[in-house]
């Protein structure tokens, strides 16, 4: 298992378009990918789960990847977030 905390910098947080890119990045990997915000754990491969987390600009989330390609998955997720998730 690997994890890393990242801050969401998108102006409107994880609304539908960036949440879709977030999930599309996650589903490319075999590893289980979740994220924690406050006390809630959400599935990074589910758009409804991501939207339901209500992540806003400036929120810190902890990405958690567990599985055969966890290192690559974590690196790709962090890069997608740092690149602005298409915004």
N, C-alpha and C. Protein backbone atom coordinates (compact mmCIF):
# COMPACT_ATOMS: atom_id res chain seq x y z
N UNK A 1 0.84 -1.19 0.00
CA UNK A 1 0.00 0.00 0.00
C UNK A 1 0.88 1.24 0.00
N UNK A 2 0.53 2.20 -0.85
CA UNK A 2 1.21 3.48 -0.88
C UNK A 2 0.16 4.58 -0.79
N UNK A 3 0.56 5.72 -0.23
CA UNK A 3 -0.38 6.84 -0.12
C UNK A 3 0.36 8.16 -0.19
N UNK A 4 -0.39 9.20 -0.52
CA UNK A 4 0.19 10.54 -0.58
C UNK A 4 -0.93 11.56 -0.43
N UNK A 5 -0.65 12.63 0.31
CA UNK A 5 -1.61 13.71 0.47
C UNK A 5 -1.37 14.75 -0.62
N UNK A 6 -2.47 15.20 -1.22
CA UNK A 6 -2.40 16.22 -2.26
C UNK A 6 -3.52 17.23 -2.03
N UNK A 7 -3.30 18.45 -2.52
CA UNK A 7 -4.30 19.51 -2.41
C UNK A 7 -4.95 19.71 -3.77
N UNK A 8 -6.27 19.79 -3.77
CA UNK A 8 -7.03 20.03 -5.00
C UNK A 8 -7.00 21.52 -5.31
N UNK A 9 -6.46 21.87 -6.48
CA UNK A 9 -6.33 23.28 -6.84
C UNK A 9 -7.29 23.74 -7.92
N UNK A 10 -8.16 22.85 -8.39
CA UNK A 10 -9.13 23.25 -9.41
C UNK A 10 -10.03 24.35 -8.85
N UNK A 11 -10.32 25.37 -9.65
CA UNK A 11 -11.12 26.49 -9.16
C UNK A 11 -12.48 26.08 -8.60
N UNK A 12 -13.08 25.05 -9.14
CA UNK A 12 -14.40 24.62 -8.67
C UNK A 12 -14.37 23.26 -7.99
N UNK A 13 -13.18 22.79 -7.62
CA UNK A 13 -13.06 21.50 -6.95
C UNK A 13 -13.31 20.35 -7.90
N UNK A 14 -13.75 19.23 -7.36
CA UNK A 14 -13.99 18.03 -8.19
C UNK A 14 -15.45 17.98 -8.61
N UNK A 15 -15.84 18.87 -9.53
CA UNK A 15 -17.17 18.79 -10.12
C UNK A 15 -17.13 17.76 -11.24
N UNK A 16 -18.17 17.65 -12.05
CA UNK A 16 -18.33 16.52 -12.96
C UNK A 16 -17.17 16.30 -13.93
N UNK A 17 -16.72 17.33 -14.63
CA UNK A 17 -15.66 17.12 -15.64
C UNK A 17 -14.35 16.65 -15.01
N UNK A 18 -13.80 17.37 -14.02
CA UNK A 18 -12.56 16.88 -13.41
C UNK A 18 -12.74 15.56 -12.66
N UNK A 19 -13.92 15.32 -12.11
CA UNK A 19 -14.17 14.03 -11.44
C UNK A 19 -14.12 12.90 -12.46
N UNK A 20 -14.61 13.15 -13.67
CA UNK A 20 -14.54 12.16 -14.73
C UNK A 20 -13.11 11.84 -15.12
N UNK A 21 -12.29 12.86 -15.23
CA UNK A 21 -10.87 12.66 -15.57
C UNK A 21 -10.17 11.92 -14.43
N UNK A 22 -10.49 12.29 -13.19
CA UNK A 22 -9.95 11.64 -12.00
C UNK A 22 -10.27 10.13 -12.05
N UNK A 23 -11.53 9.80 -12.31
CA UNK A 23 -11.96 8.39 -12.37
C UNK A 23 -11.36 7.67 -13.56
N UNK A 24 -11.31 8.32 -14.72
CA UNK A 24 -10.74 7.69 -15.91
C UNK A 24 -9.26 7.36 -15.69
N UNK A 25 -8.56 8.19 -14.94
CA UNK A 25 -7.17 7.90 -14.61
C UNK A 25 -7.11 6.68 -13.69
N UNK A 26 -7.97 6.64 -12.71
CA UNK A 26 -7.96 5.54 -11.73
C UNK A 26 -8.29 4.19 -12.35
N UNK A 27 -9.24 4.14 -13.28
CA UNK A 27 -9.67 2.85 -13.82
C UNK A 27 -8.64 2.21 -14.74
N UNK A 28 -7.61 2.94 -15.09
CA UNK A 28 -6.55 2.38 -15.94
C UNK A 28 -5.67 1.37 -15.18
N UNK A 29 -5.83 1.31 -13.87
CA UNK A 29 -4.96 0.49 -13.04
C UNK A 29 -5.73 -0.64 -12.36
N UNK A 30 -5.03 -1.74 -12.11
CA UNK A 30 -5.64 -2.89 -11.43
C UNK A 30 -5.75 -2.67 -9.93
N UNK A 31 -4.92 -1.79 -9.39
CA UNK A 31 -4.90 -1.55 -7.95
C UNK A 31 -6.21 -0.94 -7.47
N UNK A 32 -6.52 -1.19 -6.21
CA UNK A 32 -7.64 -0.52 -5.55
C UNK A 32 -7.17 0.90 -5.25
N UNK A 33 -7.94 1.89 -5.68
CA UNK A 33 -7.56 3.28 -5.46
C UNK A 33 -8.70 3.98 -4.73
N UNK A 34 -8.38 4.47 -3.55
CA UNK A 34 -9.36 5.22 -2.75
C UNK A 34 -8.72 6.53 -2.33
N UNK A 35 -9.56 7.42 -1.78
CA UNK A 35 -9.01 8.64 -1.20
C UNK A 35 -9.81 8.99 0.04
N UNK A 36 -9.12 9.64 0.97
CA UNK A 36 -9.76 10.06 2.22
C UNK A 36 -9.80 11.57 2.28
N UNK A 37 -10.94 12.07 2.73
CA UNK A 37 -11.10 13.50 3.00
C UNK A 37 -11.85 13.59 4.31
N UNK A 38 -11.27 14.27 5.28
CA UNK A 38 -11.80 14.28 6.64
C UNK A 38 -11.90 12.83 7.13
N UNK A 39 -13.08 12.37 7.44
CA UNK A 39 -13.24 11.00 7.94
C UNK A 39 -13.85 10.07 6.90
N UNK A 40 -14.04 10.57 5.68
CA UNK A 40 -14.71 9.79 4.64
C UNK A 40 -13.70 9.16 3.68
N UNK A 41 -13.91 7.89 3.36
CA UNK A 41 -13.11 7.20 2.35
C UNK A 41 -13.98 6.97 1.13
N UNK A 42 -13.46 7.35 -0.05
CA UNK A 42 -14.23 7.23 -1.29
C UNK A 42 -13.46 6.42 -2.32
N UNK A 43 -14.21 5.78 -3.21
CA UNK A 43 -13.65 4.98 -4.30
C UNK A 43 -13.29 5.91 -5.46
N UNK A 44 -12.01 5.97 -5.81
CA UNK A 44 -11.56 6.87 -6.88
C UNK A 44 -12.01 6.41 -8.25
N UNK A 45 -12.50 5.18 -8.37
CA UNK A 45 -12.94 4.65 -9.67
C UNK A 45 -14.43 4.86 -9.91
N UNK A 46 -15.13 5.49 -8.98
CA UNK A 46 -16.57 5.72 -9.08
C UNK A 46 -16.86 7.22 -9.13
N UNK A 47 -17.43 7.68 -10.24
CA UNK A 47 -17.75 9.11 -10.37
C UNK A 47 -18.70 9.54 -9.27
N UNK A 48 -19.71 8.72 -8.98
CA UNK A 48 -20.66 9.09 -7.92
C UNK A 48 -19.99 9.20 -6.56
N UNK A 49 -19.05 8.32 -6.29
CA UNK A 49 -18.32 8.35 -5.03
C UNK A 49 -17.46 9.62 -4.94
N UNK A 50 -16.81 9.97 -6.06
CA UNK A 50 -15.96 11.18 -6.09
C UNK A 50 -16.83 12.42 -5.92
N UNK A 51 -17.93 12.51 -6.66
CA UNK A 51 -18.82 13.67 -6.54
C UNK A 51 -19.42 13.76 -5.14
N UNK A 52 -19.75 12.61 -4.57
CA UNK A 52 -20.35 12.58 -3.24
C UNK A 52 -19.42 13.04 -2.13
N UNK A 53 -18.12 13.04 -2.40
CA UNK A 53 -17.14 13.49 -1.39
C UNK A 53 -17.13 15.00 -1.25
N UNK A 54 -17.72 15.71 -2.23
CA UNK A 54 -17.83 17.19 -2.19
C UNK A 54 -16.48 17.88 -1.97
N UNK A 55 -15.51 17.53 -2.79
CA UNK A 55 -14.16 18.10 -2.67
C UNK A 55 -14.15 19.48 -3.31
N UNK A 56 -13.70 20.47 -2.56
CA UNK A 56 -13.66 21.85 -3.03
C UNK A 56 -12.21 22.31 -3.21
N UNK A 57 -12.04 23.45 -3.87
CA UNK A 57 -10.70 24.01 -4.07
C UNK A 57 -10.02 24.19 -2.72
N UNK A 58 -8.78 23.75 -2.63
CA UNK A 58 -8.01 23.89 -1.41
C UNK A 58 -8.13 22.72 -0.44
N UNK A 59 -9.05 21.80 -0.70
CA UNK A 59 -9.19 20.63 0.16
C UNK A 59 -8.00 19.69 -0.03
N UNK A 60 -7.56 19.11 1.07
CA UNK A 60 -6.48 18.12 1.01
C UNK A 60 -7.10 16.72 1.08
N UNK A 61 -6.69 15.87 0.14
CA UNK A 61 -7.13 14.48 0.16
C UNK A 61 -5.90 13.59 0.26
N UNK A 62 -6.10 12.39 0.78
CA UNK A 62 -5.02 11.41 0.81
C UNK A 62 -5.37 10.29 -0.15
N UNK A 63 -4.58 10.15 -1.20
CA UNK A 63 -4.76 9.07 -2.16
C UNK A 63 -4.14 7.80 -1.59
N UNK A 64 -4.84 6.68 -1.72
CA UNK A 64 -4.35 5.41 -1.21
C UNK A 64 -4.48 4.38 -2.32
N UNK A 65 -3.36 3.77 -2.70
CA UNK A 65 -3.34 2.77 -3.76
C UNK A 65 -2.80 1.46 -3.20
N UNK A 66 -3.51 0.38 -3.53
CA UNK A 66 -3.11 -0.92 -3.02
C UNK A 66 -3.32 -1.97 -4.11
N UNK A 67 -2.21 -2.60 -4.53
CA UNK A 67 -2.33 -3.62 -5.55
C UNK A 67 -1.05 -3.78 -6.36
N UNK A 68 -1.13 -4.53 -7.45
CA UNK A 68 0.07 -4.88 -8.22
C UNK A 68 0.77 -3.69 -8.90
N UNK A 69 0.01 -2.65 -9.22
CA UNK A 69 0.60 -1.49 -9.90
C UNK A 69 0.40 -0.21 -9.08
N UNK A 70 0.47 -0.37 -7.75
CA UNK A 70 0.16 0.74 -6.85
C UNK A 70 1.07 1.95 -7.02
N UNK A 71 2.37 1.73 -7.24
CA UNK A 71 3.30 2.86 -7.39
C UNK A 71 2.96 3.67 -8.64
N UNK A 72 2.71 2.98 -9.76
CA UNK A 72 2.37 3.66 -11.01
C UNK A 72 1.03 4.37 -10.88
N UNK A 73 0.09 3.73 -10.21
CA UNK A 73 -1.24 4.31 -10.03
C UNK A 73 -1.15 5.60 -9.22
N UNK A 74 -0.40 5.56 -8.12
CA UNK A 74 -0.27 6.75 -7.28
C UNK A 74 0.39 7.88 -8.06
N UNK A 75 1.45 7.57 -8.79
CA UNK A 75 2.14 8.60 -9.57
C UNK A 75 1.21 9.23 -10.62
N UNK A 76 0.42 8.40 -11.29
CA UNK A 76 -0.50 8.91 -12.32
C UNK A 76 -1.61 9.77 -11.71
N UNK A 77 -2.13 9.35 -10.56
CA UNK A 77 -3.19 10.12 -9.90
C UNK A 77 -2.67 11.47 -9.42
N UNK A 78 -1.49 11.47 -8.82
CA UNK A 78 -0.90 12.73 -8.35
C UNK A 78 -0.63 13.65 -9.53
N UNK A 79 -0.10 13.11 -10.63
CA UNK A 79 0.19 13.92 -11.81
C UNK A 79 -1.09 14.51 -12.38
N UNK A 80 -2.16 13.73 -12.45
CA UNK A 80 -3.44 14.22 -12.98
C UNK A 80 -3.95 15.38 -12.14
N UNK A 81 -3.85 15.25 -10.82
CA UNK A 81 -4.31 16.32 -9.93
C UNK A 81 -3.43 17.56 -10.08
N UNK A 82 -2.12 17.36 -10.09
CA UNK A 82 -1.20 18.49 -10.22
C UNK A 82 -1.33 19.19 -11.57
N UNK A 83 -1.73 18.43 -12.60
CA UNK A 83 -1.94 19.02 -13.93
C UNK A 83 -3.30 19.71 -14.07
N UNK A 84 -4.11 19.68 -13.03
CA UNK A 84 -5.37 20.40 -13.02
C UNK A 84 -6.59 19.63 -13.48
N UNK A 85 -6.47 18.33 -13.72
CA UNK A 85 -7.59 17.50 -14.13
C UNK A 85 -8.36 18.10 -15.31
N UNK A 86 -7.62 18.56 -16.30
CA UNK A 86 -8.25 19.04 -17.52
C UNK A 86 -8.76 20.47 -17.47
N UNK A 87 -8.46 21.19 -16.40
CA UNK A 87 -8.94 22.58 -16.31
C UNK A 87 -7.78 23.55 -16.31
